PDB file of all heavy atoms in Angstrom:
ATOM      1  N   GLY A   1       3.443  20.828  11.582  1.00  0.00           N
ATOM      2  CA  GLY A   1       3.767  22.216  11.324  1.00  0.00           C
ATOM      3  C   GLY A   1       5.255  22.335  10.826  1.00  0.00           C
ATOM      4  O   GLY A   1       5.346  23.375   9.985  1.00  0.00           O
ATOM      5  N   ILE A   2       6.036  21.488  11.071  1.00  0.00           N
ATOM      6  CA  ILE A   2       7.396  21.550  10.575  1.00  0.00           C
ATOM      7  C   ILE A   2       7.329  21.405   8.949  1.00  0.00           C
ATOM      8  O   ILE A   2       7.952  22.194   8.248  1.00  0.00           O
ATOM      9  CB  ILE A   2       8.285  20.431  11.184  1.00  0.00           C
ATOM     10  CG1 ILE A   2       8.562  20.745  12.640  1.00  0.00           C
ATOM     11  CG2 ILE A   2       9.632  20.315  10.393  1.00  0.00           C
ATOM     12  CD1 ILE A   2       9.241  19.587  13.345  1.00  0.00           C
ATOM     13  N   GLU A   3       6.457  20.510   8.490  1.00  0.00           N
ATOM     14  CA  GLU A   3       6.360  20.292   7.152  1.00  0.00           C
ATOM     15  C   GLU A   3       5.891  21.490   6.404  1.00  0.00           C
ATOM     16  O   GLU A   3       6.364  22.005   5.486  1.00  0.00           O
ATOM     17  CB  GLU A   3       5.414  19.072   6.808  1.00  0.00           C
ATOM     18  CG  GLU A   3       5.116  18.850   5.298  1.00  0.00           C
ATOM     19  CD  GLU A   3       3.880  18.099   5.156  1.00  0.00           C
ATOM     20  OE1 GLU A   3       3.608  17.186   5.941  1.00  0.00           O
ATOM     21  OE2 GLU A   3       3.126  18.306   4.211  1.00  0.00           O
ATOM     22  N   VAL A   4       4.808  22.149   7.003  1.00  0.00           N
ATOM     23  CA  VAL A   4       4.214  23.394   6.477  1.00  0.00           C
ATOM     24  C   VAL A   4       5.315  24.492   6.374  1.00  0.00           C
ATOM     25  O   VAL A   4       5.455  25.151   5.376  1.00  0.00           O
ATOM     26  CB  VAL A   4       2.968  23.787   7.173  1.00  0.00           C
ATOM     27  CG1 VAL A   4       2.451  25.169   6.704  1.00  0.00           C
ATOM     28  CG2 VAL A   4       1.963  22.773   7.101  1.00  0.00           C
ATOM     29  N   GLU A   5       6.001  24.655   7.377  1.00  0.00           N
ATOM     30  CA  GLU A   5       7.077  25.683   7.519  1.00  0.00           C
ATOM     31  C   GLU A   5       8.136  25.514   6.467  1.00  0.00           C
ATOM     32  O   GLU A   5       8.668  26.376   5.790  1.00  0.00           O
ATOM     33  CB  GLU A   5       7.770  25.764   8.892  1.00  0.00           C
ATOM     34  CG  GLU A   5       6.746  26.273  10.028  1.00  0.00           C
ATOM     35  CD  GLU A   5       7.372  26.051  11.447  1.00  0.00           C
ATOM     36  OE1 GLU A   5       8.543  25.598  11.514  1.00  0.00           O
ATOM     37  OE2 GLU A   5       6.621  26.168  12.296  1.00  0.00           O
ATOM     38  N   ARG A   6       8.581  24.179   6.285  1.00  0.00           N
ATOM     39  CA  ARG A   6       9.679  23.963   5.359  1.00  0.00           C
ATOM     40  C   ARG A   6       9.128  24.227   3.938  1.00  0.00           C
ATOM     41  O   ARG A   6       9.821  24.777   3.209  1.00  0.00           O
ATOM     42  CB  ARG A   6      10.084  22.331   5.514  1.00  0.00           C
ATOM     43  CG  ARG A   6      10.866  22.099   6.761  1.00  0.00           C
ATOM     44  CD  ARG A   6      12.180  22.669   6.670  1.00  0.00           C
ATOM     45  NE  ARG A   6      12.888  22.186   5.462  1.00  0.00           N
ATOM     46  CZ  ARG A   6      13.952  22.785   4.855  1.00  0.00           C
ATOM     47  NH1 ARG A   6      14.354  23.903   5.314  1.00  0.00           N
ATOM     48  NH2 ARG A   6      14.449  22.313   3.790  1.00  0.00           N
ATOM     49  N   ILE A   7       7.979  23.813   3.594  1.00  0.00           N
ATOM     50  CA  ILE A   7       7.486  24.003   2.201  1.00  0.00           C
ATOM     51  C   ILE A   7       7.270  25.485   2.031  1.00  0.00           C
ATOM     52  O   ILE A   7       7.511  26.056   0.864  1.00  0.00           O
ATOM     53  CB  ILE A   7       6.159  23.130   1.925  1.00  0.00           C
ATOM     54  CG1 ILE A   7       6.514  21.667   2.030  1.00  0.00           C
ATOM     55  CG2 ILE A   7       5.750  23.464   0.496  1.00  0.00           C
ATOM     56  CD1 ILE A   7       7.769  21.210   1.153  1.00  0.00           C
ATOM     57  N   LEU A   8       6.697  26.226   2.948  1.00  0.00           N
ATOM     58  CA  LEU A   8       6.626  27.679   2.800  1.00  0.00           C
ATOM     59  C   LEU A   8       7.903  28.443   2.627  1.00  0.00           C
ATOM     60  O   LEU A   8       7.959  29.182   1.633  1.00  0.00           O
ATOM     61  CB  LEU A   8       5.899  28.263   4.025  1.00  0.00           C
ATOM     62  CG  LEU A   8       4.353  28.146   4.163  1.00  0.00           C
ATOM     63  CD1 LEU A   8       3.786  28.545   5.483  1.00  0.00           C
ATOM     64  CD2 LEU A   8       3.648  28.965   3.093  1.00  0.00           C
ATOM     65  N   GLU A   9       8.882  27.900   3.329  1.00  0.00           N
ATOM     66  CA  GLU A   9      10.239  28.503   3.181  1.00  0.00           C
ATOM     67  C   GLU A   9      10.900  28.171   1.841  1.00  0.00           C
ATOM     68  O   GLU A   9      11.599  29.051   1.096  1.00  0.00           O
ATOM     69  CB  GLU A   9      11.062  28.103   4.300  1.00  0.00           C
ATOM     70  CG  GLU A   9      12.492  28.614   4.253  1.00  0.00           C
ATOM     71  CD  GLU A   9      13.342  27.886   5.349  1.00  0.00           C
ATOM     72  OE1 GLU A   9      12.850  27.402   6.353  1.00  0.00           O
ATOM     73  OE2 GLU A   9      14.697  28.073   5.265  1.00  0.00           O
ATOM     74  N   ARG A  10      10.630  26.955   1.412  1.00  0.00           N
ATOM     75  CA  ARG A  10      11.345  26.394   0.186  1.00  0.00           C
ATOM     76  C   ARG A  10      10.682  26.662  -1.069  1.00  0.00           C
ATOM     77  O   ARG A  10      11.316  26.988  -2.070  1.00  0.00           O
ATOM     78  CB  ARG A  10      11.462  24.750   0.329  1.00  0.00           C
ATOM     79  CG  ARG A  10      12.374  24.180  -0.639  1.00  0.00           C
ATOM     80  CD  ARG A  10      12.443  22.710  -0.450  1.00  0.00           C
ATOM     81  NE  ARG A  10      11.356  22.064  -1.098  1.00  0.00           N
ATOM     82  CZ  ARG A  10      11.061  20.827  -1.026  1.00  0.00           C
ATOM     83  NH1 ARG A  10      11.608  19.995  -0.139  1.00  0.00           N
ATOM     84  NH2 ARG A  10       9.998  20.265  -1.708  1.00  0.00           N
ATOM     85  N   GLU A  11       9.300  26.576  -1.034  1.00  0.00           N
ATOM     86  CA  GLU A  11       8.530  26.805  -2.299  1.00  0.00           C
ATOM     87  C   GLU A  11       7.734  28.051  -2.314  1.00  0.00           C
ATOM     88  O   GLU A  11       7.098  28.341  -3.405  1.00  0.00           O
ATOM     89  CB  GLU A  11       7.677  25.558  -2.442  1.00  0.00           C
ATOM     90  CG  GLU A  11       8.374  24.117  -2.546  1.00  0.00           C
ATOM     91  CD  GLU A  11       9.300  23.957  -3.695  1.00  0.00           C
ATOM     92  OE1 GLU A  11       8.946  24.666  -4.807  1.00  0.00           O
ATOM     93  OE2 GLU A  11      10.238  23.145  -3.685  1.00  0.00           O
ATOM     94  N   GLY A  12       7.589  28.622  -1.167  1.00  0.00           N
ATOM     95  CA  GLY A  12       6.632  29.860  -1.076  1.00  0.00           C
ATOM     96  C   GLY A  12       5.107  29.542  -1.173  1.00  0.00           C
ATOM     97  O   GLY A  12       4.403  30.388  -1.626  1.00  0.00           O
ATOM     98  N   MET A  13       4.774  28.371  -0.891  1.00  0.00           N
ATOM     99  CA  MET A  13       3.299  27.967  -0.869  1.00  0.00           C
ATOM    100  C   MET A  13       3.187  26.837   0.116  1.00  0.00           C
ATOM    101  O   MET A  13       4.205  26.265   0.646  1.00  0.00           O
ATOM    102  CB  MET A  13       3.018  27.386  -2.347  1.00  0.00           C
ATOM    103  CG  MET A  13       3.771  26.163  -2.873  1.00  0.00           C
ATOM    104  SD  MET A  13       3.354  25.913  -4.542  1.00  0.00           S
ATOM    105  CE  MET A  13       4.237  27.145  -5.418  1.00  0.00           C
ATOM    106  N   ARG A  14       2.035  26.475   0.512  1.00  0.00           N
ATOM    107  CA  ARG A  14       1.692  25.372   1.376  1.00  0.00           C
ATOM    108  C   ARG A  14       1.719  24.013   0.730  1.00  0.00           C
ATOM    109  O   ARG A  14       1.562  23.974  -0.539  1.00  0.00           O
ATOM    110  CB  ARG A  14       0.325  25.630   2.060  1.00  0.00           C
ATOM    111  CG  ARG A  14       0.295  26.936   2.861  1.00  0.00           C
ATOM    112  CD  ARG A  14      -1.141  27.291   3.366  1.00  0.00           C
ATOM    113  NE  ARG A  14      -1.527  26.396   4.318  1.00  0.00           N
ATOM    114  CZ  ARG A  14      -1.228  26.401   5.602  1.00  0.00           C
ATOM    115  NH1 ARG A  14      -0.457  27.182   6.191  1.00  0.00           N
ATOM    116  NH2 ARG A  14      -1.723  25.433   6.529  1.00  0.00           N
ATOM    117  N   PRO A  15       1.772  23.047   1.440  1.00  0.00           N
ATOM    118  CA  PRO A  15       2.016  21.642   0.887  1.00  0.00           C
ATOM    119  C   PRO A  15       0.990  21.273  -0.135  1.00  0.00           C
ATOM    120  O   PRO A  15       1.196  20.738  -1.239  1.00  0.00           O
ATOM    121  CB  PRO A  15       2.043  20.706   2.166  1.00  0.00           C
ATOM    122  CG  PRO A  15       2.500  21.525   3.207  1.00  0.00           C
ATOM    123  CD  PRO A  15       2.021  22.853   2.941  1.00  0.00           C
ATOM    124  N   PRO A  16      -0.400  21.406   0.156  1.00  0.00           N
ATOM    125  CA  PRO A  16      -1.324  20.925  -0.977  1.00  0.00           C
ATOM    126  C   PRO A  16      -1.163  21.772  -2.262  1.00  0.00           C
ATOM    127  O   PRO A  16      -1.203  21.208  -3.284  1.00  0.00           O
ATOM    128  CB  PRO A  16      -2.648  21.247  -0.325  1.00  0.00           C
ATOM    129  CG  PRO A  16      -2.415  21.196   1.182  1.00  0.00           C
ATOM    130  CD  PRO A  16      -1.156  21.734   1.325  1.00  0.00           C
ATOM    131  N   GLU A  17      -0.823  23.124  -2.137  1.00  0.00           N
ATOM    132  CA  GLU A  17      -0.689  23.835  -3.338  1.00  0.00           C
ATOM    133  C   GLU A  17       0.618  23.373  -4.124  1.00  0.00           C
ATOM    134  O   GLU A  17       0.638  23.293  -5.276  1.00  0.00           O
ATOM    135  CB  GLU A  17      -0.528  25.371  -3.092  1.00  0.00           C
ATOM    136  CG  GLU A  17      -0.426  26.213  -4.292  1.00  0.00           C
ATOM    137  CD  GLU A  17      -0.318  27.708  -3.931  1.00  0.00           C
ATOM    138  OE1 GLU A  17      -0.372  28.083  -2.717  1.00  0.00           O
ATOM    139  OE2 GLU A  17      -0.200  28.501  -4.851  1.00  0.00           O
ATOM    140  N   PHE A  18       1.639  23.025  -3.215  1.00  0.00           N
ATOM    141  CA  PHE A  18       2.856  22.594  -3.938  1.00  0.00           C
ATOM    142  C   PHE A  18       2.618  21.199  -4.683  1.00  0.00           C
ATOM    143  O   PHE A  18       3.061  21.022  -5.786  1.00  0.00           O
ATOM    144  CB  PHE A  18       3.892  22.325  -2.761  1.00  0.00           C
ATOM    145  CG  PHE A  18       5.213  21.739  -3.259  1.00  0.00           C
ATOM    146  CD1 PHE A  18       5.871  22.090  -4.462  1.00  0.00           C
ATOM    147  CD2 PHE A  18       5.796  20.786  -2.496  1.00  0.00           C
ATOM    148  CE1 PHE A  18       6.911  21.613  -4.711  1.00  0.00           C
ATOM    149  CE2 PHE A  18       6.927  20.156  -2.840  1.00  0.00           C
ATOM    150  CZ  PHE A  18       7.614  20.475  -3.989  1.00  0.00           C
ATOM    151  N   LEU A  19       1.962  20.376  -3.960  1.00  0.00           N
ATOM    152  CA  LEU A  19       1.565  19.047  -4.824  1.00  0.00           C
ATOM    153  C   LEU A  19       0.741  19.321  -5.962  1.00  0.00           C
ATOM    154  O   LEU A  19       0.830  18.548  -6.976  1.00  0.00           O
ATOM    155  CB  LEU A  19       0.900  18.049  -3.869  1.00  0.00           C
ATOM    156  CG  LEU A  19       1.804  17.535  -2.683  1.00  0.00           C
ATOM    157  CD1 LEU A  19       0.999  16.328  -1.906  1.00  0.00           C
ATOM    158  CD2 LEU A  19       3.076  16.955  -3.195  1.00  0.00           C
ATOM    159  N   ASP A  20      -0.175  20.358  -5.916  1.00  0.00           N
ATOM    160  CA  ASP A  20      -1.036  20.697  -7.009  1.00  0.00           C
ATOM    161  C   ASP A  20      -0.049  21.228  -8.107  1.00  0.00           C
ATOM    162  O   ASP A  20      -0.120  20.921  -9.332  1.00  0.00           O
ATOM    163  CB  ASP A  20      -2.022  21.721  -6.651  1.00  0.00           C
ATOM    164  CG  ASP A  20      -3.155  21.872  -7.585  1.00  0.00           C
ATOM    165  OD1 ASP A  20      -3.185  20.948  -8.554  1.00  0.00           O
ATOM    166  OD2 ASP A  20      -3.996  22.669  -7.368  1.00  0.00           O
ATOM    167  N   ASP A  21       0.868  21.998  -7.747  1.00  0.00           N
ATOM    168  CA  ASP A  21       1.801  22.664  -8.683  1.00  0.00           C
ATOM    169  C   ASP A  21       2.703  21.653  -9.430  1.00  0.00           C
ATOM    170  O   ASP A  21       3.062  21.845 -10.629  1.00  0.00           O
ATOM    171  CB  ASP A  21       2.703  23.681  -7.949  1.00  0.00           C
ATOM    172  CG  ASP A  21       3.340  24.650  -8.886  1.00  0.00           C
ATOM    173  OD1 ASP A  21       2.657  25.248  -9.676  1.00  0.00           O
ATOM    174  OD2 ASP A  21       4.640  24.909  -8.769  1.00  0.00           O
ATOM    175  N   VAL A  22       2.987  20.547  -8.802  1.00  0.00           N
ATOM    176  CA  VAL A  22       3.842  19.561  -9.510  1.00  0.00           C
ATOM    177  C   VAL A  22       3.000  18.444 -10.131  1.00  0.00           C
ATOM    178  O   VAL A  22       3.398  17.467 -10.694  1.00  0.00           O
ATOM    179  CB  VAL A  22       4.870  18.959  -8.516  1.00  0.00           C
ATOM    180  CG1 VAL A  22       5.831  19.896  -8.061  1.00  0.00           C
ATOM    181  CG2 VAL A  22       4.174  18.057  -7.378  1.00  0.00           C
ATOM    182  N   GLY A  23       1.648  18.604 -10.076  1.00  0.00           N
ATOM    183  CA  GLY A  23       0.709  17.700 -10.844  1.00  0.00           C
ATOM    184  C   GLY A  23       0.421  16.427 -10.152  1.00  0.00           C
ATOM    185  O   GLY A  23      -0.010  15.342 -10.676  1.00  0.00           O
ATOM    186  N   LEU A  24       0.517  16.382  -8.750  1.00  0.00           N
ATOM    187  CA  LEU A  24       0.203  15.145  -8.025  1.00  0.00           C
ATOM    188  C   LEU A  24      -1.199  15.261  -7.265  1.00  0.00           C
ATOM    189  O   LEU A  24      -1.550  14.237  -6.728  1.00  0.00           O
ATOM    190  CB  LEU A  24       1.311  14.936  -7.045  1.00  0.00           C
ATOM    191  CG  LEU A  24       2.587  14.366  -7.698  1.00  0.00           C
ATOM    192  CD1 LEU A  24       3.647  14.138  -6.573  1.00  0.00           C
ATOM    193  CD2 LEU A  24       2.342  13.008  -8.277  1.00  0.00           C
ATOM    194  N   LEU A  25      -1.718  16.435  -7.217  1.00  0.00           N
ATOM    195  CA  LEU A  25      -2.980  16.549  -6.347  1.00  0.00           C
ATOM    196  C   LEU A  25      -4.189  16.228  -7.114  1.00  0.00           C
ATOM    197  O   LEU A  25      -4.730  17.075  -7.764  1.00  0.00           O
ATOM    198  CB  LEU A  25      -3.012  18.069  -5.774  1.00  0.00           C
ATOM    199  CG  LEU A  25      -3.972  18.165  -4.538  1.00  0.00           C
ATOM    200  CD1 LEU A  25      -3.210  17.644  -3.243  1.00  0.00           C
ATOM    201  CD2 LEU A  25      -4.367  19.538  -4.394  1.00  0.00           C
ATOM    202  N   ASP A  26      -4.503  15.017  -7.016  1.00  0.00           N
ATOM    203  CA  ASP A  26      -5.790  14.407  -7.674  1.00  0.00           C
ATOM    204  C   ASP A  26      -6.342  13.253  -7.158  1.00  0.00           C
ATOM    205  O   ASP A  26      -5.848  12.898  -5.986  1.00  0.00           O
ATOM    206  CB  ASP A  26      -5.523  14.313  -9.237  1.00  0.00           C
ATOM    207  CG  ASP A  26      -4.376  13.258  -9.489  1.00  0.00           C
ATOM    208  OD1 ASP A  26      -4.164  12.424  -8.540  1.00  0.00           O
ATOM    209  OD2 ASP A  26      -3.784  13.313 -10.655  1.00  0.00           O
ATOM    210  N   ASP A  27      -7.205  12.528  -7.693  1.00  0.00           N
ATOM    211  CA  ASP A  27      -7.892  11.441  -7.117  1.00  0.00           C
ATOM    212  C   ASP A  27      -7.131  10.182  -7.071  1.00  0.00           C
ATOM    213  O   ASP A  27      -7.467   9.111  -6.691  1.00  0.00           O
ATOM    214  CB  ASP A  27      -9.284  11.143  -7.761  1.00  0.00           C
ATOM    215  CG  ASP A  27      -9.184  10.856  -9.268  1.00  0.00           C
ATOM    216  OD1 ASP A  27      -8.107  10.807  -9.787  1.00  0.00           O
ATOM    217  OD2 ASP A  27     -10.233  10.678  -9.840  1.00  0.00           O
ATOM    218  N   ARG A  28      -5.804  10.379  -7.662  1.00  0.00           N
ATOM    219  CA  ARG A  28      -4.882   9.189  -7.623  1.00  0.00           C
ATOM    220  C   ARG A  28      -3.962   9.374  -6.538  1.00  0.00           C
ATOM    221  O   ARG A  28      -3.022   8.521  -6.301  1.00  0.00           O
ATOM    222  CB  ARG A  28      -4.134   9.006  -8.870  1.00  0.00           C
ATOM    223  CG  ARG A  28      -4.996   8.675 -10.081  1.00  0.00           C
ATOM    224  CD  ARG A  28      -4.301   8.811 -11.325  1.00  0.00           C
ATOM    225  NE  ARG A  28      -4.089  10.183 -11.771  1.00  0.00           N
ATOM    226  CZ  ARG A  28      -3.352  10.601 -12.656  1.00  0.00           C
ATOM    227  NH1 ARG A  28      -2.767   9.834 -13.607  1.00  0.00           N
ATOM    228  NH2 ARG A  28      -3.227  11.913 -12.944  1.00  0.00           N
ATOM    229  N   LEU A  29      -4.081  10.465  -5.671  1.00  0.00           N
ATOM    230  CA  LEU A  29      -3.228  10.611  -4.496  1.00  0.00           C
ATOM    231  C   LEU A  29      -3.862  10.228  -3.253  1.00  0.00           C
ATOM    232  O   LEU A  29      -5.070  10.549  -2.973  1.00  0.00           O
ATOM    233  CB  LEU A  29      -2.885  12.087  -4.527  1.00  0.00           C
ATOM    234  CG  LEU A  29      -1.906  12.519  -3.282  1.00  0.00           C
ATOM    235  CD1 LEU A  29      -0.479  12.001  -3.528  1.00  0.00           C
ATOM    236  CD2 LEU A  29      -1.979  14.100  -3.131  1.00  0.00           C
ATOM    237  N   LEU A  30      -3.109   9.580  -2.272  1.00  0.00           N
ATOM    238  CA  LEU A  30      -3.559   9.221  -0.916  1.00  0.00           C
ATOM    239  C   LEU A  30      -2.760  10.135  -0.096  1.00  0.00           C
ATOM    240  O   LEU A  30      -1.462   9.978  -0.107  1.00  0.00           O
ATOM    241  CB  LEU A  30      -3.349   7.800  -0.624  1.00  0.00           C
ATOM    242  CG  LEU A  30      -4.322   6.761  -1.364  1.00  0.00           C
ATOM    243  CD1 LEU A  30      -4.056   6.543  -2.796  1.00  0.00           C
ATOM    244  CD2 LEU A  30      -4.295   5.437  -0.530  1.00  0.00           C
ATOM    245  N   GLY A  31      -3.428  11.035   0.555  1.00  0.00           N
ATOM    246  CA  GLY A  31      -2.633  11.854   1.498  1.00  0.00           C
ATOM    247  C   GLY A  31      -3.004  11.616   2.899  1.00  0.00           C
ATOM    248  O   GLY A  31      -4.096  11.785   3.474  1.00  0.00           O
ATOM    249  N   ALA A  32      -1.991  11.184   3.737  1.00  0.00           N
ATOM    250  CA  ALA A  32      -2.220  10.795   5.130  1.00  0.00           C
ATOM    251  C   ALA A  32      -2.066  12.031   6.022  1.00  0.00           C
ATOM    252  O   ALA A  32      -1.144  12.854   5.875  1.00  0.00           O
ATOM    253  CB  ALA A  32      -1.048   9.726   5.570  1.00  0.00           C
ATOM    254  N   HIS A  33      -2.995  12.066   6.962  1.00  0.00           N
ATOM    255  CA  HIS A  33      -3.063  13.033   8.101  1.00  0.00           C
ATOM    256  C   HIS A  33      -3.915  14.198   7.700  1.00  0.00           C
ATOM    257  O   HIS A  33      -4.987  14.455   8.268  1.00  0.00           O
ATOM    258  CB  HIS A  33      -1.690  13.391   8.639  1.00  0.00           C
ATOM    259  CG  HIS A  33      -0.923  12.271   9.258  1.00  0.00           C
ATOM    260  ND1 HIS A  33      -1.361  11.657  10.435  1.00  0.00           N
ATOM    261  CD2 HIS A  33       0.143  11.538   8.740  1.00  0.00           C
ATOM    262  CE1 HIS A  33      -0.466  10.594  10.586  1.00  0.00           C
ATOM    263  NE2 HIS A  33       0.333  10.534   9.548  1.00  0.00           N
ATOM    264  N   CYS A  34      -3.301  15.070   6.870  1.00  0.00           N
ATOM    265  CA  CYS A  34      -4.066  16.308   6.499  1.00  0.00           C
ATOM    266  C   CYS A  34      -4.547  17.179   7.793  1.00  0.00           C
ATOM    267  O   CYS A  34      -5.738  17.525   7.753  1.00  0.00           O
ATOM    268  CB  CYS A  34      -5.221  16.077   5.593  1.00  0.00           C
ATOM    269  SG  CYS A  34      -4.825  15.256   4.060  1.00  0.00           S
ATOM    270  N   ILE A  35      -3.659  17.323   8.651  1.00  0.00           N
ATOM    271  CA  ILE A  35      -3.979  17.985   9.956  1.00  0.00           C
ATOM    272  C   ILE A  35      -3.785  19.455   9.797  1.00  0.00           C
ATOM    273  O   ILE A  35      -4.687  20.359  10.152  1.00  0.00           O
ATOM    274  CB  ILE A  35      -3.137  17.337  11.033  1.00  0.00           C
ATOM    275  CG1 ILE A  35      -3.276  15.960  11.158  1.00  0.00           C
ATOM    276  CG2 ILE A  35      -3.482  18.152  12.368  1.00  0.00           C
ATOM    277  CD1 ILE A  35      -2.315  15.143  12.097  1.00  0.00           C
ATOM    278  N   PHE A  36      -2.598  19.978   9.377  1.00  0.00           N
ATOM    279  CA  PHE A  36      -2.131  21.380   9.416  1.00  0.00           C
ATOM    280  C   PHE A  36      -2.556  21.989   8.148  1.00  0.00           C
ATOM    281  O   PHE A  36      -1.685  22.419   7.340  1.00  0.00           O
ATOM    282  CB  PHE A  36      -0.706  21.416   9.725  1.00  0.00           C
ATOM    283  CG  PHE A  36      -0.483  20.905  11.180  1.00  0.00           C
ATOM    284  CD1 PHE A  36      -0.039  19.702  11.453  1.00  0.00           C
ATOM    285  CD2 PHE A  36      -0.345  21.947  12.202  1.00  0.00           C
ATOM    286  CE1 PHE A  36       0.093  19.265  12.743  1.00  0.00           C
ATOM    287  CE2 PHE A  36      -0.031  21.410  13.478  1.00  0.00           C
ATOM    288  CZ  PHE A  36       0.187  20.142  13.713  1.00  0.00           C
ATOM    289  N   VAL A  37      -3.950  22.209   7.914  1.00  0.00           N
ATOM    290  CA  VAL A  37      -4.517  22.622   6.601  1.00  0.00           C
ATOM    291  C   VAL A  37      -5.361  23.916   7.071  1.00  0.00           C
ATOM    292  O   VAL A  37      -6.028  23.831   7.959  1.00  0.00           O
ATOM    293  CB  VAL A  37      -5.276  21.785   5.862  1.00  0.00           C
ATOM    294  CG1 VAL A  37      -4.366  20.616   5.227  1.00  0.00           C
ATOM    295  CG2 VAL A  37      -6.267  20.989   6.805  1.00  0.00           C
ATOM    296  N   ASP A  38      -5.234  24.930   6.145  1.00  0.00           N
ATOM    297  CA  ASP A  38      -6.187  25.986   6.299  1.00  0.00           C
ATOM    298  C   ASP A  38      -7.274  25.967   5.457  1.00  0.00           C
ATOM    299  O   ASP A  38      -7.523  24.930   4.653  1.00  0.00           O
ATOM    300  CB  ASP A  38      -5.384  27.380   6.111  1.00  0.00           C
ATOM    301  CG  ASP A  38      -4.860  27.527   4.828  1.00  0.00           C
ATOM    302  OD1 ASP A  38      -5.229  26.712   3.738  1.00  0.00           O
ATOM    303  OD2 ASP A  38      -3.978  28.433   4.550  1.00  0.00           O
ATOM    304  N   ASP A  39      -8.241  26.819   5.423  1.00  0.00           N
ATOM    305  CA  ASP A  39      -9.432  26.706   4.593  1.00  0.00           C
ATOM    306  C   ASP A  39      -9.181  26.533   3.077  1.00  0.00           C
ATOM    307  O   ASP A  39      -9.787  25.786   2.433  1.00  0.00           O
ATOM    308  CB  ASP A  39     -10.232  27.962   4.896  1.00  0.00           C
ATOM    309  CG  ASP A  39     -11.002  27.988   6.173  1.00  0.00           C
ATOM    310  OD1 ASP A  39     -10.910  26.996   6.923  1.00  0.00           O
ATOM    311  OD2 ASP A  39     -11.407  29.087   6.643  1.00  0.00           O
ATOM    312  N   ALA A  40      -8.113  27.245   2.622  1.00  0.00           N
ATOM    313  CA  ALA A  40      -7.810  27.224   1.208  1.00  0.00           C
ATOM    314  C   ALA A  40      -7.273  25.812   0.897  1.00  0.00           C
ATOM    315  O   ALA A  40      -7.548  25.263  -0.174  1.00  0.00           O
ATOM    316  CB  ALA A  40      -6.853  28.328   0.786  1.00  0.00           C
TER     317      ALA A  40
END
């Protein structure tokens, strides 16, 4: 939850959207945990 709060505060978006925004969210990314995620 801390990570999500920090990225919302810093970037105005949630972590997956942030990684998408910087061009890292694709099939070459390994993302560990993925616990605190919403439907979007």
